[in-house]
Amino acid sequence: MPSPIKINQHVAIMNIQLIAIDKSFGNVHANDHINMVIPSGTIQGILGENGAGKTTLMKILSGFYQPDSGRILLDGQPVTIHSPSDAIQNGIGMLNQDPLDFPPLRVLDNFVLGQKGGINLKAGKARKSLEEIQNKFGFHFNPDNYVENLTVGERQQLEILRLLYLGAQVLILDEPTTGISAEQKEKIFKTLVKLIKEGKTVIFVSHKLEEVEGLCSQVVVLRQGKVVGEAKPPYKTKDLVRMMFGKEIKLAERYSCKNETPRIVLKDLCMEDSRLQIKDINLQVCRGEIIGLAGMEGSGQQLFLRSLAGLVVPVSGEISVDGKLMNRKSYHNFQKAGVYYVPAARLEEGLISGFSLTEHVVLVEDQRGFFIKTGAHRLAVQNKIKNFNIQGKPESQVEQLSGGNQQRLSLALLRSPQSVLLLEHPMRGLDMESVIDIWNKLQDYCRQGSSLFFASSDLEEVMRYSDRILVFFGGKVSKALVAEKMSVDQLGQMIGGKGFERGA
């Protein structure tokens, strides 16, 4: 039998108490006199709409931000947490929406970051520790693989292992299930249950009601920076929705494509990267049609989308957009043809840290002359903020926005007209009201003739919004399946490789 995993041990925290926490960013009052008690050995849910202040509050607890006023008590003792390093010394670790890792480094290098000795630790000892802790929680990583080759879900799993290895007794998970597969979500949930049985505390930040209701011991609801309510099982979904939004929310109606005019045609398309190969995709997608991509993370959805965007050059085959052959064309040529890609990694690929909303709009608008006139774009910025309900100001830097508002901005920056939209986890980090609002906008684009491909780990979302579905499994692609003829159970089995038919 393997020896017990040796991790840094801290004195168990009996409870966490937040007292009158206040935090403002300019005119935005992100946290307004928040009081909260989190008992040890529980899964505490933090629920709220985008921009409610959930992430800000957790970043204060984990040392990324300092409060303007208020106190933090751990086991009844006041503490000052100046940094994430301070937080981990107090046994608190946070898994952010966008994993804070170093993609150019190996899995093993990222795993030991923060440890005394860091990447200078003896390789054999570090490998053994990684192997033991991932076996305990059912994760599987090649220590020599580079993090840039991992999916968002895999990077989250690695970050959880790293925090546990550092000795986290309190684990904060900020929207951990957005952008990951159902299988990976199940693994994370099983891990959380194991942690609770070991006496650790989990703070689960989410906007997904079904996950909070099924997992959390108790829930606190935030709205516009304030605590507006608390709840314990059995939960009443309608009550939670009212607390989150101050009103009832209804799902958008299903949209079905009626157009039969081809928009994009794939013929014998083959593509590959360092991990997998996809062969012989044949598919014709009509104007206005929505194609959902389902599968476990890393099964080829991202490779497929990037190939259709011109970011990856296919090995062979043809891609035609509106009858124009796009083989070996550049990403900019695809954009000129109206093909736009929105990646899942917002701050790494979709947006530019340090740039304001105005500067992002300036970058995507047509420019005339040698000088950029930001004033001329003021109206365009204000319209995008209004139309996409972005909780931010023209001068706000993108890293100051909540994850959901960053996603709204990414979608707002799409230029018109669009022939083909390629979206990787487009609703990642969005609350229920935002999801409905954004899907209404995307469906409007489709009614105007845009074709849409979207990858999602939410099977209900794939079933609800797709006309047809492509299922990915280990680099294989199913035939195009009519969504209305599928069930969630059938789709789930195919994602796991059962009843899978190759070829589109």
Protein backbone atom coordinates (compact mmCIF):
# COMPACT_ATOMS: atom_id res chain seq x y z
CA MET A 1 0.00 0.00 0.00
CA PRO A 2 1.24 3.54 -0.74
CA SER A 3 2.35 5.55 2.25
CA PRO A 4 0.00 8.33 3.48
CA ILE A 5 0.23 11.58 1.56
CA LYS A 6 2.41 14.05 3.38
CA ILE A 7 1.10 17.58 3.11
CA ASN A 8 1.55 20.69 5.20
CA GLN A 9 -0.73 20.50 8.23
CA HIS A 10 -2.38 23.52 9.81
CA VAL A 11 -4.46 23.80 12.94
CA ALA A 12 -8.06 23.08 11.90
CA ILE A 13 -10.13 26.23 11.59
CA MET A 14 -13.30 25.92 13.67
CA ASN A 15 -15.11 28.56 11.65
CA ILE A 16 -14.69 31.63 9.48
CA GLN A 17 -16.38 34.88 10.38
CA LEU A 18 -16.56 37.90 8.09
CA ILE A 19 -17.59 41.09 9.89
CA ALA A 20 -18.78 44.25 8.09
CA ILE A 21 -16.57 43.66 5.02
CA ASP A 22 -16.54 46.67 2.67
CA LYS A 23 -14.73 46.98 -0.67
CA SER A 24 -15.10 49.56 -3.45
CA PHE A 25 -13.49 49.95 -6.86
CA GLY A 26 -13.95 53.60 -7.74
CA ASN A 27 -17.70 54.21 -7.76
CA VAL A 28 -18.51 50.48 -7.69
CA HIS A 29 -19.37 49.26 -4.17
CA ALA A 30 -18.49 45.59 -4.69
CA ASN A 31 -18.98 44.48 -1.05
CA ASP A 32 -21.31 46.49 1.17
CA HIS A 33 -21.05 45.73 4.91
CA ILE A 34 -21.08 41.95 4.50
CA ASN A 35 -21.45 39.71 7.56
CA MET A 36 -21.13 35.95 7.26
CA VAL A 37 -20.32 32.90 9.41
CA ILE A 38 -18.99 29.74 7.74
CA PRO A 39 -18.83 26.68 10.03
CA SER A 40 -15.99 24.21 9.60
CA GLY A 41 -16.62 20.83 8.01
CA THR A 42 -19.34 22.15 5.71
CA ILE A 43 -19.83 23.10 2.07
CA GLN A 44 -20.91 26.74 2.19
CA GLY A 45 -22.68 27.96 -0.94
CA ILE A 46 -22.25 31.58 -2.07
CA LEU A 47 -24.94 32.30 -4.64
CA GLY A 48 -25.56 35.44 -6.66
CA GLU A 49 -25.94 37.03 -10.07
CA ASN A 50 -22.98 38.32 -12.09
CA GLY A 51 -21.43 41.31 -10.38
CA ALA A 52 -23.09 40.52 -7.03
CA GLY A 53 -19.72 40.67 -5.25
CA LYS A 54 -19.11 36.94 -4.77
CA THR A 55 -15.62 36.82 -6.28
CA THR A 56 -14.52 40.07 -4.63
CA LEU A 57 -15.51 38.75 -1.20
CA MET A 58 -13.64 35.49 -1.76
CA LYS A 59 -10.56 37.32 -3.05
CA ILE A 60 -10.55 39.31 0.19
CA LEU A 61 -10.70 36.10 2.23
CA SER A 62 -7.92 34.56 0.12
CA GLY A 63 -5.62 37.60 0.20
CA PHE A 64 -5.86 38.81 -3.40
CA TYR A 65 -7.62 41.98 -2.23
CA GLN A 66 -7.62 43.82 1.08
CA PRO A 67 -10.93 45.15 2.42
CA ASP A 68 -11.49 48.89 2.80
CA SER A 69 -12.91 48.09 6.23
CA GLY A 70 -14.15 45.12 8.24
CA ARG A 71 -12.58 42.13 9.97
CA ILE A 72 -11.85 38.46 9.33
CA LEU A 73 -11.89 36.00 12.23
CA LEU A 74 -10.49 32.48 11.97
CA ASP A 75 -11.49 30.26 14.89
CA GLY A 76 -12.51 33.40 16.74
CA GLN A 77 -9.14 35.12 16.30
CA PRO A 78 -8.77 38.25 14.14
CA VAL A 79 -6.31 37.89 11.24
CA THR A 80 -4.96 40.19 8.56
CA ILE A 81 -4.46 38.48 5.20
CA HIS A 82 -2.16 40.55 3.01
CA SER A 83 -1.60 38.06 0.20
CA PRO A 84 -2.47 34.59 -1.10
CA SER A 85 0.71 33.42 0.64
CA ASP A 86 -0.67 34.72 3.95
CA ALA A 87 -3.95 32.97 3.21
CA ILE A 88 -2.35 29.58 2.58
CA GLN A 89 -0.31 29.96 5.77
CA ASN A 90 -3.66 30.30 7.52
CA GLY A 91 -4.95 27.24 5.66
CA ILE A 92 -7.04 29.06 3.03
CA GLY A 93 -6.63 28.36 -0.69
CA MET A 94 -8.68 29.65 -3.63
CA LEU A 95 -9.36 28.10 -7.02
CA ASN A 96 -10.12 31.05 -9.30
CA GLN A 97 -12.46 31.07 -12.29
CA ASP A 98 -9.39 31.33 -14.52
CA PRO A 99 -6.68 29.05 -13.07
CA LEU A 100 -3.63 30.99 -11.86
CA ASP A 101 -0.93 28.79 -13.33
CA PHE A 102 1.97 28.99 -15.77
CA PRO A 103 1.00 27.31 -19.08
CA PRO A 104 4.58 27.24 -20.48
CA LEU A 105 5.69 25.09 -17.50
CA ARG A 106 5.12 21.38 -16.95
CA VAL A 107 2.41 19.88 -14.75
CA LEU A 108 5.05 18.94 -12.17
CA ASP A 109 6.52 22.46 -12.10
CA ASN A 110 3.10 24.01 -11.52
CA PHE A 111 2.28 21.45 -8.83
CA VAL A 112 5.24 22.44 -6.63
CA LEU A 113 4.79 26.21 -7.00
CA GLY A 114 4.41 27.81 -3.59
CA GLN A 115 6.23 24.99 -1.80
CA LYS A 116 9.42 25.70 0.08
CA GLY A 117 12.07 25.00 -2.51
CA GLY A 118 9.56 25.41 -5.37
CA ILE A 119 10.75 24.04 -8.70
CA ASN A 120 14.12 23.26 -7.09
CA LEU A 121 12.55 20.41 -5.10
CA LYS A 122 14.00 17.02 -5.93
CA ALA A 123 12.14 15.71 -8.95
CA GLY A 124 11.69 12.23 -7.52
CA LYS A 125 10.10 13.51 -4.33
CA ALA A 126 7.81 15.89 -6.21
CA ARG A 127 6.72 13.18 -8.66
CA LYS A 128 5.92 10.79 -5.84
CA SER A 129 3.87 13.43 -4.02
CA LEU A 130 1.93 14.28 -7.19
CA GLU A 131 1.25 10.62 -7.92
CA GLU A 132 0.03 9.91 -4.39
CA ILE A 133 -2.28 12.89 -4.07
CA GLN A 134 -3.83 12.51 -7.53
CA ASN A 135 -4.42 8.80 -6.93
CA LYS A 136 -6.19 9.65 -3.69
CA PHE A 137 -8.65 11.94 -5.47
CA GLY A 138 -8.95 10.05 -8.76
CA PHE A 139 -7.18 12.56 -11.02
CA HIS A 140 -4.67 11.56 -13.69
CA PHE A 141 -1.84 13.78 -14.94
CA ASN A 142 1.37 13.15 -16.83
CA PRO A 143 3.93 15.12 -14.77
CA ASP A 144 5.92 15.98 -17.92
CA ASN A 145 2.95 17.30 -19.91
CA TYR A 146 2.86 21.06 -20.36
CA VAL A 147 -0.01 22.93 -18.75
CA GLU A 148 -0.71 24.78 -22.00
CA ASN A 149 -1.84 21.40 -23.40
CA LEU A 150 -4.41 20.90 -20.63
CA THR A 151 -8.07 21.89 -20.83
CA VAL A 152 -9.57 24.44 -18.43
CA GLY A 153 -11.11 21.59 -16.43
CA GLU A 154 -7.81 19.73 -16.14
CA ARG A 155 -6.04 22.90 -15.04
CA GLN A 156 -8.65 23.38 -12.32
CA GLN A 157 -8.08 19.84 -11.09
CA LEU A 158 -4.32 20.42 -10.97
CA GLU A 159 -4.82 23.64 -9.01
CA ILE A 160 -6.99 21.82 -6.45
CA LEU A 161 -4.23 19.24 -5.94
CA ARG A 162 -1.62 21.98 -5.58
CA LEU A 163 -3.66 23.81 -2.93
CA LEU A 164 -4.23 20.61 -0.98
CA TYR A 165 -0.52 19.81 -1.22
CA LEU A 166 0.20 23.26 0.23
CA GLY A 167 -2.02 22.36 3.17
CA ALA A 168 -5.31 24.16 2.48
CA GLN A 169 -7.89 23.38 5.17
CA VAL A 170 -10.41 25.78 3.63
CA LEU A 171 -10.84 25.49 -0.13
CA ILE A 172 -12.62 28.28 -2.02
CA LEU A 173 -13.94 27.27 -5.44
CA ASP A 174 -15.10 30.16 -7.62
CA GLU A 175 -17.43 28.91 -10.37
CA PRO A 176 -15.48 25.62 -10.60
CA THR A 177 -17.83 23.79 -12.98
CA THR A 178 -17.96 26.34 -15.79
CA GLY A 179 -16.11 25.14 -18.86
CA ILE A 180 -15.59 21.55 -17.71
CA SER A 181 -17.21 18.26 -18.68
CA ALA A 182 -19.88 16.43 -16.71
CA GLU A 183 -17.35 13.70 -15.85
CA GLN A 184 -14.83 16.25 -14.55
CA LYS A 185 -17.58 17.98 -12.56
CA GLU A 186 -18.51 14.67 -10.95
CA LYS A 187 -14.85 14.10 -10.03
CA ILE A 188 -14.62 17.52 -8.40
CA PHE A 189 -17.84 16.96 -6.44
CA LYS A 190 -16.58 13.59 -5.17
CA THR A 191 -13.36 15.32 -4.14
CA LEU A 192 -15.31 17.94 -2.19
CA VAL A 193 -17.26 15.25 -0.33
CA LYS A 194 -13.96 13.53 0.60
CA LEU A 195 -12.57 16.82 1.88
CA ILE A 196 -15.59 17.43 4.10
CA LYS A 197 -15.28 13.94 5.56
CA GLU A 198 -11.69 14.82 6.44
CA GLY A 199 -12.88 17.86 8.37
CA LYS A 200 -11.96 20.49 5.79
CA THR A 201 -14.25 23.37 4.78
CA VAL A 202 -15.34 24.18 1.23
CA ILE A 203 -16.73 27.50 0.05
CA PHE A 204 -18.58 26.86 -3.21
CA VAL A 205 -19.21 30.04 -5.24
CA SER A 206 -21.70 29.60 -8.07
CA HIS A 207 -24.73 30.86 -9.92
CA LYS A 208 -25.92 27.33 -10.80
CA LEU A 209 -28.89 26.58 -8.59
CA GLU A 210 -28.98 22.82 -9.15
CA GLU A 211 -25.35 22.43 -8.10
CA VAL A 212 -25.72 24.57 -4.99
CA GLU A 213 -28.92 22.81 -3.97
CA GLY A 214 -27.44 19.34 -4.44
CA LEU A 215 -24.09 19.99 -2.79
CA CYS A 216 -24.16 22.74 -0.17
CA SER A 217 -24.87 22.48 3.56
CA GLN A 218 -26.13 26.07 3.59
CA VAL A 219 -26.32 29.01 1.18
CA VAL A 220 -25.81 32.76 1.43
CA VAL A 221 -27.22 34.88 -1.42
CA LEU A 222 -25.58 38.15 -2.53
CA ARG A 223 -27.12 40.84 -4.70
CA GLN A 224 -25.48 44.13 -5.67
CA GLY A 225 -22.77 43.67 -3.06
CA LYS A 226 -25.05 42.90 -0.12
CA VAL A 227 -26.23 39.78 1.69
CA VAL A 228 -29.93 39.52 0.84
CA GLY A 229 -30.74 36.13 2.32
CA GLU A 230 -29.67 32.74 3.62
CA ALA A 231 -31.11 29.26 3.19
CA LYS A 232 -30.63 25.67 4.33
CA PRO A 233 -31.93 22.37 2.90
CA PRO A 234 -34.49 21.59 1.69
CA TYR A 235 -34.02 24.48 -0.73
CA LYS A 236 -36.83 26.13 -2.68
CA THR A 237 -35.56 27.10 -6.12
CA LYS A 238 -38.09 29.90 -6.60
CA ASP A 239 -37.04 31.51 -3.34
CA LEU A 240 -33.35 31.38 -4.30
CA VAL A 241 -34.11 32.91 -7.71
CA ARG A 242 -36.09 35.74 -6.15
CA MET A 243 -33.25 36.47 -3.74
CA MET A 244 -30.69 36.45 -6.56
CA PHE A 245 -32.56 38.66 -9.01
CA GLY A 246 -35.40 40.24 -7.05
CA LYS A 247 -37.86 38.71 -9.54
CA GLU A 248 -38.87 35.48 -11.29
CA ILE A 249 -36.87 34.32 -14.30
CA LYS A 250 -38.29 32.38 -17.24
CA LEU A 251 -36.29 30.31 -19.74
CA ALA A 252 -35.98 31.49 -23.31
CA GLU A 253 -38.10 29.76 -25.94
CA ARG A 254 -36.45 27.22 -28.23
CA TYR A 255 -35.33 28.50 -31.63
CA SER A 256 -35.27 26.20 -34.66
CA CYS A 257 -33.52 26.93 -37.94
CA LYS A 258 -35.76 26.92 -41.04
CA ASN A 259 -33.17 28.04 -43.61
CA GLU A 260 -31.69 25.46 -45.99
CA THR A 261 -29.05 27.67 -47.64
CA PRO A 262 -25.53 26.33 -46.97
CA ARG A 263 -23.28 28.65 -44.96
CA ILE A 264 -20.26 26.50 -44.10
CA VAL A 265 -19.28 23.18 -45.70
CA LEU A 266 -16.65 20.76 -44.36
CA LYS A 267 -15.35 18.06 -46.69
CA ASP A 268 -13.09 15.20 -45.53
CA LEU A 269 -11.65 17.54 -42.88
CA CYS A 270 -8.73 16.17 -40.84
CA MET A 271 -6.87 17.99 -38.06
CA GLU A 272 -4.45 17.18 -35.29
CA ASP A 273 -2.48 18.59 -32.39
CA SER A 274 0.06 17.13 -29.97
CA ARG A 275 -2.58 15.05 -28.17
CA LEU A 276 -5.12 13.78 -30.69
CA GLN A 277 -6.20 13.52 -34.29
CA ILE A 278 -9.63 14.06 -35.82
CA LYS A 279 -10.35 12.50 -39.21
CA ASP A 280 -12.79 12.77 -42.10
CA ILE A 281 -15.43 15.25 -40.94
CA ASN A 282 -18.08 15.88 -43.59
CA LEU A 283 -20.73 18.42 -42.62
CA GLN A 284 -22.93 21.04 -44.23
CA VAL A 285 -24.34 23.73 -41.95
CA CYS A 286 -27.12 26.04 -43.09
CA ARG A 287 -27.53 29.75 -42.45
CA GLY A 288 -29.05 30.28 -39.03
CA GLU A 289 -28.31 26.75 -37.84
CA ILE A 290 -26.93 26.09 -34.34
CA ILE A 291 -24.52 23.18 -33.89
CA GLY A 292 -23.77 22.09 -30.32
CA LEU A 293 -20.48 20.36 -29.52
CA ALA A 294 -20.63 17.90 -26.63
CA GLY A 295 -17.98 15.70 -25.07
CA MET A 296 -15.50 15.36 -22.26
CA GLU A 297 -12.94 18.15 -22.06
CA GLY A 298 -9.97 17.47 -24.29
CA SER A 299 -11.90 15.26 -26.72
CA GLY A 300 -11.32 17.57 -29.70
CA GLN A 301 -13.95 20.31 -29.46
CA GLN A 302 -11.39 23.08 -29.05
CA LEU A 303 -9.22 21.74 -31.89
CA PHE A 304 -12.30 21.61 -34.13
CA LEU A 305 -13.35 25.20 -33.32
CA ARG A 306 -9.84 26.55 -33.79
CA SER A 307 -9.57 24.82 -37.16
CA LEU A 308 -12.83 26.43 -38.29
CA ALA A 309 -11.46 29.81 -37.12
CA GLY A 310 -8.19 29.56 -39.05
CA LEU A 311 -6.10 29.28 -35.88
CA VAL A 312 -5.14 25.67 -36.63
CA VAL A 313 -4.28 24.57 -40.15
CA PRO A 314 -6.08 21.31 -41.02
CA VAL A 315 -3.94 18.38 -42.14
CA SER A 316 -6.24 17.81 -45.11
CA GLY A 317 -9.76 18.40 -46.37
CA GLU A 318 -11.73 21.53 -47.18
CA ILE A 319 -13.48 24.35 -45.33
CA SER A 320 -15.80 26.54 -47.40
CA VAL A 321 -17.65 29.62 -46.14
CA ASP A 322 -20.41 30.97 -48.39
CA GLY A 323 -18.89 29.01 -51.28
CA LYS A 324 -15.40 30.42 -50.75
CA LEU A 325 -12.63 27.89 -50.11
CA MET A 326 -10.75 28.87 -46.93
CA ASN A 327 -8.02 26.21 -46.94
CA ARG A 328 -4.79 27.45 -45.37
CA LYS A 329 -6.16 30.97 -45.04
CA SER A 330 -5.02 33.01 -42.04
CA TYR A 331 -7.09 33.83 -38.97
CA HIS A 332 -7.52 37.38 -40.30
CA ASN A 333 -8.82 36.05 -43.61
CA PHE A 334 -11.39 34.00 -41.72
CA GLN A 335 -12.43 37.15 -39.84
CA LYS A 336 -12.80 39.04 -43.11
CA ALA A 337 -15.15 36.24 -44.20
CA GLY A 338 -17.23 36.89 -41.07
CA VAL A 339 -15.93 33.95 -39.01
CA TYR A 340 -15.39 34.87 -35.34
CA TYR A 341 -14.07 32.78 -32.46
CA VAL A 342 -14.65 33.40 -28.72
CA PRO A 343 -12.28 31.26 -26.59
CA ALA A 344 -13.02 29.89 -23.13
CA ALA A 345 -9.86 31.45 -21.64
CA ARG A 346 -11.08 35.04 -21.49
CA LEU A 347 -8.10 36.93 -20.05
CA GLU A 348 -5.49 34.76 -21.77
CA GLU A 349 -6.86 34.81 -25.32
CA GLY A 350 -10.04 36.87 -25.58
CA LEU A 351 -9.28 40.10 -23.71
CA ILE A 352 -6.21 42.18 -22.81
CA SER A 353 -5.41 42.74 -19.14
CA GLY A 354 -4.71 46.39 -18.35
CA PHE A 355 -6.94 47.63 -21.19
CA SER A 356 -10.23 49.39 -20.53
CA LEU A 357 -13.59 48.61 -22.09
CA THR A 358 -13.15 51.65 -24.34
CA GLU A 359 -9.73 50.48 -25.53
CA HIS A 360 -11.14 47.05 -26.36
CA VAL A 361 -13.92 48.59 -28.45
CA VAL A 362 -11.39 50.83 -30.22
CA LEU A 363 -9.34 47.77 -31.16
CA VAL A 364 -12.24 45.98 -32.87
CA GLU A 365 -13.66 49.04 -34.65
CA ASP A 366 -12.46 50.24 -38.06
CA GLN A 367 -9.77 52.90 -37.72
CA ARG A 368 -9.03 55.79 -40.05
CA GLY A 369 -5.78 57.71 -39.97
CA PHE A 370 -2.73 57.21 -37.79
CA PHE A 371 -4.20 58.31 -34.46
CA ILE A 372 -6.78 56.56 -32.31
CA LYS A 373 -9.58 58.87 -31.22
CA THR A 374 -11.10 57.24 -28.15
CA GLY A 375 -13.69 60.01 -27.81
CA ALA A 376 -15.23 59.05 -31.15
CA HIS A 377 -15.95 55.58 -29.77
CA ARG A 378 -17.63 56.74 -26.57
CA LEU A 379 -21.15 56.16 -27.89
CA ALA A 380 -20.24 52.69 -29.22
CA VAL A 381 -18.83 51.71 -25.81
CA GLN A 382 -21.90 52.97 -23.97
CA ASN A 383 -24.20 51.10 -26.36
CA LYS A 384 -22.33 47.83 -25.83
CA ILE A 385 -22.42 48.28 -22.05
CA LYS A 386 -26.17 48.88 -22.23
CA ASN A 387 -27.08 46.22 -24.81
CA PHE A 388 -25.06 43.47 -23.12
CA ASN A 389 -25.82 44.66 -19.57
CA ILE A 390 -22.12 44.85 -18.67
CA GLN A 391 -21.61 45.88 -15.05
CA GLY A 392 -18.71 48.24 -15.65
CA LYS A 393 -17.79 51.68 -16.96
CA PRO A 394 -16.02 52.71 -20.19
CA GLU A 395 -12.82 53.35 -18.23
CA SER A 396 -13.00 50.07 -16.25
CA GLN A 397 -10.10 47.70 -16.90
CA VAL A 398 -11.21 44.22 -17.93
CA GLU A 399 -9.53 42.45 -15.01
CA GLN A 400 -11.72 44.53 -12.66
CA LEU A 401 -14.87 42.99 -14.15
CA SER A 402 -16.45 39.84 -12.76
CA GLY A 403 -15.98 36.68 -14.82
CA GLY A 404 -19.53 36.89 -16.15
CA ASN A 405 -19.10 40.50 -17.21
CA GLN A 406 -15.82 39.64 -18.94
CA GLN A 407 -17.75 37.04 -20.92
CA ARG A 408 -20.44 39.59 -21.79
CA LEU A 409 -17.73 41.95 -23.05
CA SER A 410 -16.16 39.17 -25.16
CA LEU A 411 -19.51 38.64 -26.90
CA ALA A 412 -20.15 42.39 -27.20
CA LEU A 413 -16.87 42.80 -29.12
CA LEU A 414 -18.00 40.54 -31.98
CA ARG A 415 -18.19 42.58 -35.16
CA SER A 416 -21.18 42.57 -37.50
CA PRO A 417 -22.16 41.01 -39.76
CA GLN A 418 -21.14 37.52 -38.69
CA SER A 419 -21.26 34.56 -41.04
CA VAL A 420 -20.11 31.95 -38.54
CA LEU A 421 -19.76 32.24 -34.76
CA LEU A 422 -17.49 29.78 -32.96
CA LEU A 423 -18.03 29.88 -29.20
CA GLU A 424 -16.12 27.84 -26.62
CA HIS A 425 -18.17 27.60 -23.41
CA PRO A 426 -19.99 30.90 -24.19
CA MET A 427 -22.05 30.86 -20.97
CA ARG A 428 -19.08 30.17 -18.72
CA GLY A 429 -19.52 32.18 -15.51
CA LEU A 430 -22.90 33.64 -16.46
CA ASP A 431 -25.90 33.55 -14.14
CA MET A 432 -29.35 32.34 -15.22
CA GLU A 433 -30.67 35.73 -16.27
CA SER A 434 -27.48 36.47 -18.22
CA VAL A 435 -27.60 33.10 -19.99
CA ILE A 436 -31.15 33.73 -21.16
CA ASP A 437 -30.31 37.27 -22.26
CA ILE A 438 -27.17 36.23 -24.19
CA TRP A 439 -28.88 33.28 -25.87
CA ASN A 440 -31.67 35.60 -27.01
CA LYS A 441 -29.00 37.77 -28.65
CA LEU A 442 -27.27 34.78 -30.25
CA GLN A 443 -30.58 33.49 -31.57
CA ASP A 444 -31.22 36.93 -33.08
CA TYR A 445 -27.89 36.64 -34.90
CA CYS A 446 -28.99 33.23 -36.22
CA ARG A 447 -32.33 34.64 -37.40
CA GLN A 448 -30.28 37.15 -39.40
CA GLY A 449 -28.36 34.29 -41.06
CA SER A 450 -25.35 33.61 -38.82
CA SER A 451 -24.41 29.97 -38.26
CA LEU A 452 -23.31 29.09 -34.76
CA PHE A 453 -21.06 26.38 -33.30
CA PHE A 454 -20.79 26.24 -29.51
CA ALA A 455 -19.02 23.87 -27.13
CA SER A 456 -20.57 23.36 -23.71
CA SER A 457 -20.27 20.93 -20.81
CA ASP A 458 -23.89 21.66 -19.84
CA LEU A 459 -25.87 18.90 -21.55
CA GLU A 460 -29.19 20.63 -20.88
CA GLU A 461 -27.87 23.72 -22.65
CA VAL A 462 -26.63 21.67 -25.61
CA MET A 463 -30.01 19.93 -25.90
CA ARG A 464 -32.04 23.11 -25.51
CA TYR A 465 -30.28 25.43 -27.95
CA SER A 466 -28.85 23.15 -30.68
CA ASP A 467 -30.47 22.21 -33.97
CA ARG A 468 -27.94 19.41 -34.36
CA ILE A 469 -25.23 18.02 -32.08
CA LEU A 470 -21.74 16.67 -32.72
CA VAL A 471 -20.42 14.40 -29.96
CA PHE A 472 -16.64 14.18 -29.46
CA PHE A 473 -14.98 11.18 -27.87
CA GLY A 474 -11.20 10.76 -27.84
CA GLY A 475 -10.79 12.64 -31.11
CA LYS A 476 -13.65 10.83 -32.83
CA VAL A 477 -16.71 12.77 -33.98
CA SER A 478 -20.25 11.41 -34.20
CA LYS A 479 -22.59 11.97 -37.08
CA ALA A 480 -24.68 15.14 -36.76
CA LEU A 481 -27.53 14.27 -34.39
CA VAL A 482 -30.91 16.01 -34.42
CA ALA A 483 -31.23 17.55 -30.97
CA GLU A 484 -35.00 17.13 -30.71
CA LYS A 485 -34.63 13.37 -31.18
CA MET A 486 -32.03 13.01 -28.42
CA SER A 487 -32.38 12.67 -24.66
CA VAL A 488 -29.92 13.89 -22.05
CA ASP A 489 -29.31 10.27 -21.03
CA GLN A 490 -28.49 9.22 -24.61
CA LEU A 491 -26.18 12.19 -25.01
CA GLY A 492 -24.45 11.43 -21.72
CA GLN A 493 -23.85 7.81 -22.73
CA MET A 494 -22.38 8.85 -26.08
CA ILE A 495 -20.05 11.31 -24.37
CA GLY A 496 -18.80 8.33 -22.34
CA GLY A 497 -18.22 6.33 -25.55
CA LYS A 498 -21.36 4.14 -25.46
CA GLY A 499 -23.45 3.83 -28.61
CA PHE A 500 -20.93 6.06 -30.36
CA GLU A 501 -20.92 6.24 -34.15
CA ARG A 502 -17.96 7.76 -35.89
CA GLY A 503 -18.26 10.17 -38.77
CA ALA A 504 -20.30 13.30 -39.36
